[in-house]
Structure formats: C-alpha cells, structure tokens
Protein backbone atom coordinates (compact mmCIF):
# COMPACT_ATOMS: atom_id res chain seq x y z
CA UNK A 1 -21.05 -8.90 -19.20
CA UNK A 2 -18.05 -10.03 -21.27
CA UNK A 3 -14.87 -11.55 -19.97
CA UNK A 4 -12.99 -8.23 -20.00
CA UNK A 5 -15.68 -6.57 -17.94
CA UNK A 6 -15.88 -9.54 -15.43
CA UNK A 7 -12.11 -9.43 -14.90
CA UNK A 8 -12.15 -5.66 -14.45
CA UNK A 9 -15.00 -5.87 -11.92
CA UNK A 10 -13.18 -8.61 -9.96
CA UNK A 11 -9.93 -6.71 -9.72
CA UNK A 12 -11.49 -3.38 -8.96
CA UNK A 13 -13.48 -5.01 -6.16
CA UNK A 14 -10.20 -6.08 -4.45
CA UNK A 15 -9.27 -2.47 -4.07
CA UNK A 16 -12.69 -1.16 -3.09
CA UNK A 17 -12.64 -1.85 0.68
CA UNK A 18 -11.84 1.68 1.75
CA UNK A 19 -12.29 5.26 0.41
CA UNK A 20 -11.52 5.59 -3.32
CA UNK A 21 -8.61 7.92 -4.09
CA UNK A 22 -8.81 11.07 -6.20
CA UNK A 23 -12.56 11.50 -5.81
CA UNK A 24 -12.37 15.28 -6.01
CA UNK A 25 -9.13 15.61 -8.00
CA UNK A 26 -10.93 17.69 -10.72
CA UNK A 27 -11.19 20.54 -8.22
CA UNK A 28 -7.42 21.10 -8.57
CA UNK A 29 -7.33 21.85 -12.34
CA UNK A 30 -3.77 22.51 -13.54
CA UNK A 31 -2.15 20.96 -10.47
CA UNK A 32 0.33 18.28 -11.79
CA UNK A 33 1.12 16.91 -8.36
CA UNK A 34 4.48 15.64 -7.39
CA UNK A 35 5.50 14.21 -10.76
CA UNK A 36 3.41 15.32 -13.75
CA UNK A 37 2.50 13.91 -17.19
CA UNK A 38 6.12 13.40 -18.39
CA UNK A 39 7.16 11.38 -15.31
CA UNK A 40 8.33 7.74 -15.29
CA UNK A 41 6.43 7.30 -12.04
CA UNK A 42 3.05 7.81 -13.79
CA UNK A 43 3.94 5.15 -16.38
CA UNK A 44 5.31 2.60 -13.91
CA UNK A 45 2.48 2.87 -11.39
CA UNK A 46 -0.12 3.02 -14.05
CA UNK A 47 0.65 -0.41 -15.41
CA UNK A 48 -0.78 -3.69 -14.02
CA UNK A 49 2.83 -4.86 -13.31
CA UNK A 50 2.49 -2.81 -10.11
CA UNK A 51 0.32 -5.52 -8.75
CA UNK A 52 3.30 -7.83 -8.74
CA UNK A 53 5.47 -4.95 -7.44
CA UNK A 54 3.19 -4.47 -4.51
CA UNK A 55 3.23 -8.16 -3.57
CA UNK A 56 6.99 -8.29 -3.95
CA UNK A 57 7.47 -5.29 -1.64
CA UNK A 58 5.25 -6.91 1.11
CA UNK A 59 7.29 -10.13 0.87
CA UNK A 60 10.60 -8.28 1.12
CA UNK A 61 9.42 -5.95 3.92
CA UNK A 62 8.87 -9.02 6.17
CA UNK A 63 12.60 -9.64 6.22
CA UNK A 64 13.16 -6.74 8.58
CA UNK A 65 12.34 -8.01 12.12
CA UNK A 66 11.34 -4.63 13.53
CA UNK A 67 9.12 -3.66 10.52
CA UNK A 68 7.61 -7.15 10.49
CA UNK A 69 6.90 -6.80 14.20
CA UNK A 70 5.19 -3.50 13.73
CA UNK A 71 2.86 -5.05 11.12
CA UNK A 72 2.19 -8.10 13.27
CA UNK A 73 1.51 -6.11 16.45
CA UNK A 74 -0.46 -3.18 15.07
CA UNK A 75 -1.92 -4.09 11.71
CA UNK A 76 -5.37 -5.65 10.92
CA UNK A 77 -4.09 -7.50 7.91
CA UNK A 78 -5.23 -10.95 9.24
CA UNK A 79 -8.77 -9.78 10.05
CA UNK A 80 -9.19 -7.30 7.16
CA UNK A 81 -6.64 -8.09 4.40
CA UNK A 82 -8.66 -6.47 1.64
CA UNK A 83 -9.20 -3.28 3.74
CA UNK A 84 -5.42 -3.03 4.28
CA UNK A 85 -4.79 -3.60 0.64
CA UNK A 86 -7.20 -0.89 -0.32
CA UNK A 87 -5.74 1.61 2.21
CA UNK A 88 -2.22 0.93 0.91
CA UNK A 89 -3.49 1.40 -2.69
CA UNK A 90 -5.17 4.62 -1.63
CA UNK A 91 -1.86 6.00 -0.28
CA UNK A 92 0.25 4.87 -3.33
CA UNK A 93 -2.30 6.24 -5.80
CA UNK A 94 -2.77 9.55 -3.94
CA UNK A 95 0.90 10.12 -3.72
CA UNK A 96 1.60 9.22 -7.34
CA UNK A 97 -1.29 10.76 -9.12
CA UNK A 98 -2.86 13.18 -6.62
CA UNK A 99 -2.82 17.02 -6.76
CA UNK A 100 -0.67 18.52 -3.99
CA UNK A 101 -3.49 18.87 -1.52
CA UNK A 102 -4.33 15.18 -2.05
CA UNK A 103 -0.78 14.07 -1.51
CA UNK A 104 -0.65 16.11 1.72
CA UNK A 105 -3.92 14.48 2.88
CA UNK A 106 -2.43 11.03 2.28
CA UNK A 107 0.69 11.90 4.21
CA UNK A 108 -1.39 13.17 7.13
CA UNK A 109 -3.42 9.94 7.07
CA UNK A 110 -0.31 7.75 7.24
CA UNK A 111 1.40 9.88 9.87
CA UNK A 112 -1.65 9.70 12.10
CA UNK A 113 -1.94 5.88 11.71
CA UNK A 114 1.80 5.48 12.48
CA UNK A 115 1.72 7.49 15.71
CA UNK A 116 0.55 4.46 17.66
CA UNK A 117 2.82 1.96 15.93
CA UNK A 118 5.72 1.26 18.38
CA UNK A 119 7.03 -1.60 20.48
CA UNK A 120 9.71 -4.17 20.99
CA UNK A 121 10.63 -6.80 18.35
CA UNK A 122 11.33 -10.39 18.98
CA UNK A 123 15.04 -9.74 19.14
CA UNK A 124 14.52 -7.00 21.75
CA UNK A 125 14.95 -3.90 19.65
CA UNK A 126 12.56 -0.97 20.04
CA UNK A 127 10.74 0.07 16.88
CA UNK A 128 8.53 2.96 15.80
CA UNK A 129 6.77 3.39 12.48
CA UNK A 130 7.77 7.08 12.43
CA UNK A 131 11.51 6.25 12.68
CA UNK A 132 13.39 7.42 9.58
CA UNK A 133 15.23 4.08 9.21
CA UNK A 134 12.06 1.99 9.25
CA UNK A 135 10.23 4.36 6.98
CA UNK A 136 13.24 4.05 4.63
CA UNK A 137 12.93 0.23 4.58
CA UNK A 138 9.22 0.39 3.62
CA UNK A 139 9.69 3.18 1.09
CA UNK A 140 12.81 1.85 -0.55
CA UNK A 141 11.45 -1.66 -0.94
CA UNK A 142 8.28 -0.30 -2.53
CA UNK A 143 10.38 1.79 -4.95
CA UNK A 144 12.74 -1.08 -5.83
CA UNK A 145 9.85 -3.54 -6.20
CA UNK A 146 7.66 -1.38 -8.48
CA UNK A 147 10.69 -0.68 -10.68
CA UNK A 148 11.78 -4.37 -10.80
CA UNK A 149 8.24 -5.58 -11.60
CA UNK A 150 7.82 -2.99 -14.37
CA UNK A 151 11.10 -4.10 -16.01
CA UNK A 152 10.35 -7.82 -15.76
CA UNK A 153 6.62 -7.72 -16.63
CA UNK A 154 6.28 -4.60 -18.90
CA UNK A 155 9.51 -3.39 -20.57
CA UNK A 156 13.23 -2.88 -19.82
CA UNK A 157 14.08 0.68 -18.77
CA UNK A 158 17.32 2.61 -19.46
CA UNK A 159 19.62 3.48 -16.59
CA UNK A 160 18.50 7.09 -16.92
CA UNK A 161 14.80 6.08 -16.62
CA UNK A 162 15.52 3.85 -13.64
CA UNK A 163 17.45 6.65 -11.81
CA UNK A 164 14.69 9.12 -12.71
CA UNK A 165 12.09 6.80 -11.10
CA UNK A 166 14.20 6.46 -7.95
CA UNK A 167 14.64 10.32 -7.76
CA UNK A 168 10.92 10.89 -8.29
CA UNK A 169 9.90 8.40 -5.66
CA UNK A 170 12.47 9.95 -3.30
CA UNK A 171 10.15 13.05 -3.24
CA UNK A 172 7.62 10.76 -1.52
CA UNK A 173 10.30 9.31 0.88
CA UNK A 174 11.40 12.76 1.86
CA UNK A 175 7.89 13.82 2.74
CA UNK A 176 7.50 10.67 4.86
CA UNK A 177 10.72 11.40 6.73
CA UNK A 178 12.52 8.27 5.34
CA UNK A 179 16.30 8.19 5.59
CA UNK A 180 18.47 7.08 3.85
CA UNK A 181 17.19 7.44 0.32
CA UNK A 182 19.58 5.99 -2.29
CA UNK A 183 20.18 8.27 -5.28
CA UNK A 184 20.30 5.70 -8.09
CA UNK A 185 18.55 2.45 -8.99
CA UNK A 186 21.75 0.49 -8.56
CA UNK A 187 22.40 1.96 -5.17
CA UNK A 188 18.82 1.26 -4.19
CA UNK A 189 19.09 -2.36 -5.31
CA UNK A 190 22.31 -2.85 -3.34
CA UNK A 191 20.86 -1.15 -0.28
CA UNK A 192 17.83 -3.40 -0.22
CA UNK A 193 19.60 -6.72 -0.99
CA UNK A 194 22.50 -6.14 1.42
CA UNK A 195 20.71 -4.43 4.30
CA UNK A 196 22.53 -5.40 7.55
CA UNK A 197 19.41 -5.58 9.82
CA UNK A 198 17.58 -8.31 8.02
CA UNK A 199 17.02 -11.59 9.90
CA UNK A 200 14.59 -14.43 10.38
CA UNK A 201 11.74 -13.92 12.92
CA UNK A 202 8.40 -15.31 13.93
CA UNK A 203 6.73 -12.20 12.45
CA UNK A 204 8.50 -12.87 9.13
CA UNK A 205 7.33 -16.47 9.01
CA UNK A 206 3.74 -15.50 9.87
CA UNK A 207 3.68 -12.73 7.26
CA UNK A 208 5.09 -14.91 4.51
CA UNK A 209 2.62 -17.72 5.32
CA UNK A 210 -0.25 -15.22 5.14
CA UNK A 211 1.00 -13.68 1.92
CA UNK A 212 1.25 -17.11 0.34
CA UNK A 213 -2.42 -17.88 1.06
CA UNK A 214 -4.51 -14.90 2.02
CA UNK A 215 -8.30 -15.42 2.53
CA UNK A 216 -9.60 -14.72 -0.97
CA UNK A 217 -12.23 -16.41 -3.07
CA UNK A 218 -11.36 -19.46 -5.10
CA UNK A 219 -11.02 -17.53 -8.38
CA UNK A 220 -9.15 -14.66 -6.79
CA UNK A 221 -6.79 -17.08 -5.01
CA UNK A 222 -5.71 -18.74 -8.28
CA UNK A 223 -4.81 -15.43 -9.88
CA UNK A 224 -3.14 -14.15 -6.69
CA UNK A 225 -0.93 -17.24 -6.13
CA UNK A 226 0.36 -16.88 -9.77
CA UNK A 227 1.29 -13.29 -9.10
CA UNK A 228 2.79 -14.04 -5.65
CA UNK A 229 4.97 -16.83 -6.99
CA UNK A 230 6.05 -14.68 -9.91
CA UNK A 231 6.94 -11.86 -7.54
CA UNK A 232 9.01 -14.25 -5.31
CA UNK A 233 10.98 -15.37 -8.44
CA UNK A 234 12.14 -11.76 -9.00
CA UNK A 235 13.67 -11.40 -5.55
CA UNK A 236 17.42 -11.68 -5.21
CA UNK A 237 18.45 -15.28 -4.25
CA UNK A 238 19.98 -14.62 -0.84
CA UNK A 239 16.98 -12.50 0.25
CA UNK A 240 14.53 -14.99 -1.24
CA UNK A 241 16.19 -17.79 0.80
CA UNK A 242 15.81 -15.77 4.06
CA UNK A 243 12.12 -15.39 3.24
CA UNK A 244 11.76 -19.15 2.54
CA UNK A 245 10.52 -18.57 -1.00
CA UNK A 246 11.26 -20.41 -4.20
CA UNK A 247 12.14 -19.40 -7.75
CA UNK A 248 11.00 -21.12 -10.90
CA UNK A 249 11.01 -20.32 -14.62
CA UNK A 250 7.48 -21.74 -14.79
CA UNK A 251 6.21 -19.38 -12.14
CA UNK A 252 7.77 -16.45 -13.95
CA UNK A 253 6.21 -17.55 -17.28
CA UNK A 254 2.81 -17.96 -15.72
CA UNK A 255 3.06 -14.53 -14.08
CA UNK A 256 3.97 -12.90 -17.32
CA UNK A 257 1.12 -14.55 -19.10
CA UNK A 258 -1.46 -13.51 -16.46
CA UNK A 259 -0.12 -9.93 -16.43
CA UNK A 260 -0.55 -9.71 -20.18
CA UNK A 261 -4.10 -10.86 -19.78
CA UNK A 262 -4.73 -8.36 -16.96
CA UNK A 263 -3.22 -5.59 -19.05
CA UNK A 264 -5.62 -6.43 -21.93
CA UNK A 265 -8.61 -6.45 -19.60
CA UNK A 266 -7.68 -3.54 -17.30
CA UNK A 267 -5.69 -1.27 -19.61
CA UNK A 268 -3.97 1.59 -17.84
CA UNK A 269 -4.92 2.97 -14.38
CA UNK A 270 -8.00 5.29 -14.32
CA UNK A 271 -6.13 7.29 -11.66
CA UNK A 272 -3.46 8.09 -14.30
CA UNK A 273 -6.23 9.17 -16.63
CA UNK A 274 -7.77 11.39 -14.00
CA UNK A 275 -4.43 13.00 -13.35
CA UNK A 276 -3.87 13.64 -17.06
CA UNK A 277 -7.27 15.27 -17.35
CA UNK A 278 -6.56 17.43 -14.29
CA UNK A 279 -3.20 18.38 -15.74
CA UNK A 280 -4.70 19.43 -19.09
CA UNK A 281 -2.44 16.89 -20.87
CA UNK A 282 -3.23 15.21 -24.18
CA UNK A 283 -3.60 11.49 -24.15
CA UNK A 284 -5.29 8.56 -26.00
CA UNK A 285 -8.47 7.73 -24.07
CA UNK A 286 -8.55 4.21 -25.54
CA UNK A 287 -5.54 3.24 -23.46
CA UNK A 288 -7.33 3.69 -20.15
CA UNK A 289 -10.20 1.97 -18.39
CA UNK A 290 -12.95 4.31 -17.13
CA UNK A 291 -13.66 3.28 -13.47
CA UNK A 292 -12.30 6.56 -12.06
C-alpha cells in the first residue's frame, strides 16, 4: 500500500464509526437533492478544507454558553469522539449530497436526537436543542466556518459565490427550524462575530481543552493538531480571545501545507461523486476518490 492509499485509509477510518451516508443513493436516479451539480455547496463541502471548517465550527460553537452546556450535558463526545464525528459527518454529507428522501431522513434523525437535549446552563438560562435561536447558532457557525476554510485553504470566492453558498445553506437551516438566517456572507460573518449571547463558561473551557487534544492515535494527533491550530488562526481575534486560542502565521502555513497534501491523497469527496452519478451529470472521474 502506497503513501496515498495509507493516508486515505487513515482519514476514512476517522469517519467510519457510524453508518455511512448515501449507501442507497443510486435508488433516487435523477434526484439532484437540495443543491445540485452547479451549486457552490457541492464544491465547498467536497474539498478537504471542510475538515478545517468542521473543527473551526466546533471551536466557535463552544462560545455560546447554552449550546456548550447542551453538548456537555447530553453528548457522548468525551467517551465516543469518533462516533460523534462520524454522526456529524453523516448529517452534513446527507444534507449536502443526498437525494431528497436522504435529506429528510437526516433531518428526522437529528430532530429525534435533539428532543431530549434541554436543561439549564451555568448562567441559569434554559436551553433546548430544538430552539430556533440555538439551532441558528450551530447552523450559522457551520456555514460561516466551511466558507471561511474554503477561502483560506482552497481558493478565494467572489461575493456572489459567497452569498450563493449562504443562501444554499439556508435551505438546510430552514428545514432545521433555525432562526435567524443571515442573507449574505457579510451579514453572516458579522452575526457570528458580534453575537450578544457569547460568554466564557466551564463548558466552553472543557470543550476547547478537549478539542485541542482529543484521544486519537499518535499519527492522527499530529495531523489533527496542525488542522486545529490552523482553524483557530482563522477565527476573528475577539472571538478567538474568548475561546482562549492563539493565532500564528506558522500554524496557518503548516495547515495549508497539510491540506495540500491531504487534497493530493484524498482528491474530492466520493459523496460528491455519488451525487453527480445520481444526478446524471458529466464529471472527470480522476478528480474523485472511489471509497463511496
């Protein structure tokens, strides 16, 4: 097995701790899903820069005390971090590349899991995962982070492309009951960075400490820490300070270097490839890896 195959196997294994998405997507021939072949969402989420985007979103989400409390009180991330990672990847992949029945199944799965997520945060505020405002924080930070990571680690996007991505992702947010949903990329960035409810909390500190050093193998930890530190560097300074994270040009350089290597090894997402096949779209098969 060559280095490219070993890297691919390692990364794929990280996301293989729950059911694989799109296993029966070929049954829905002609169904383009929420976005379709010409969408910016398929391009953004199909690139390995989304790994950084996902880490960035998890870091930022911890800044909201009620959202952080919900994760701390009801999630199994400490005991089963790879399982949670795989379930999150399943949801994002299904919503992005799935046929409409697959997106509806993913929504039902998340809604069912969220029914039991409620409680009181450290500062005494009631929270519920099904609340539109908390759903908005999770959804909007994901959208903002995937877009930011793509621009930093893949290519710059035009204002039109950025706004298109936000509008496409809002289709997911609407189905999840999230509110508010900013209309443009600039509005989204300002909404995330200046959110009035953000504050320090014990749940924040525990989440950040875990995200800095999750229980991975030695080889996986080296790669993960490079991506985590690079993700932290892309966060707005005021928000990064609240999270207790640091920025460095070296961390950004190392992140970009690793992402280029991962892109060479992993190519584009096999879920993107499966969606293109299902949609009867033309594409270059050499650009995609084959572990569908």
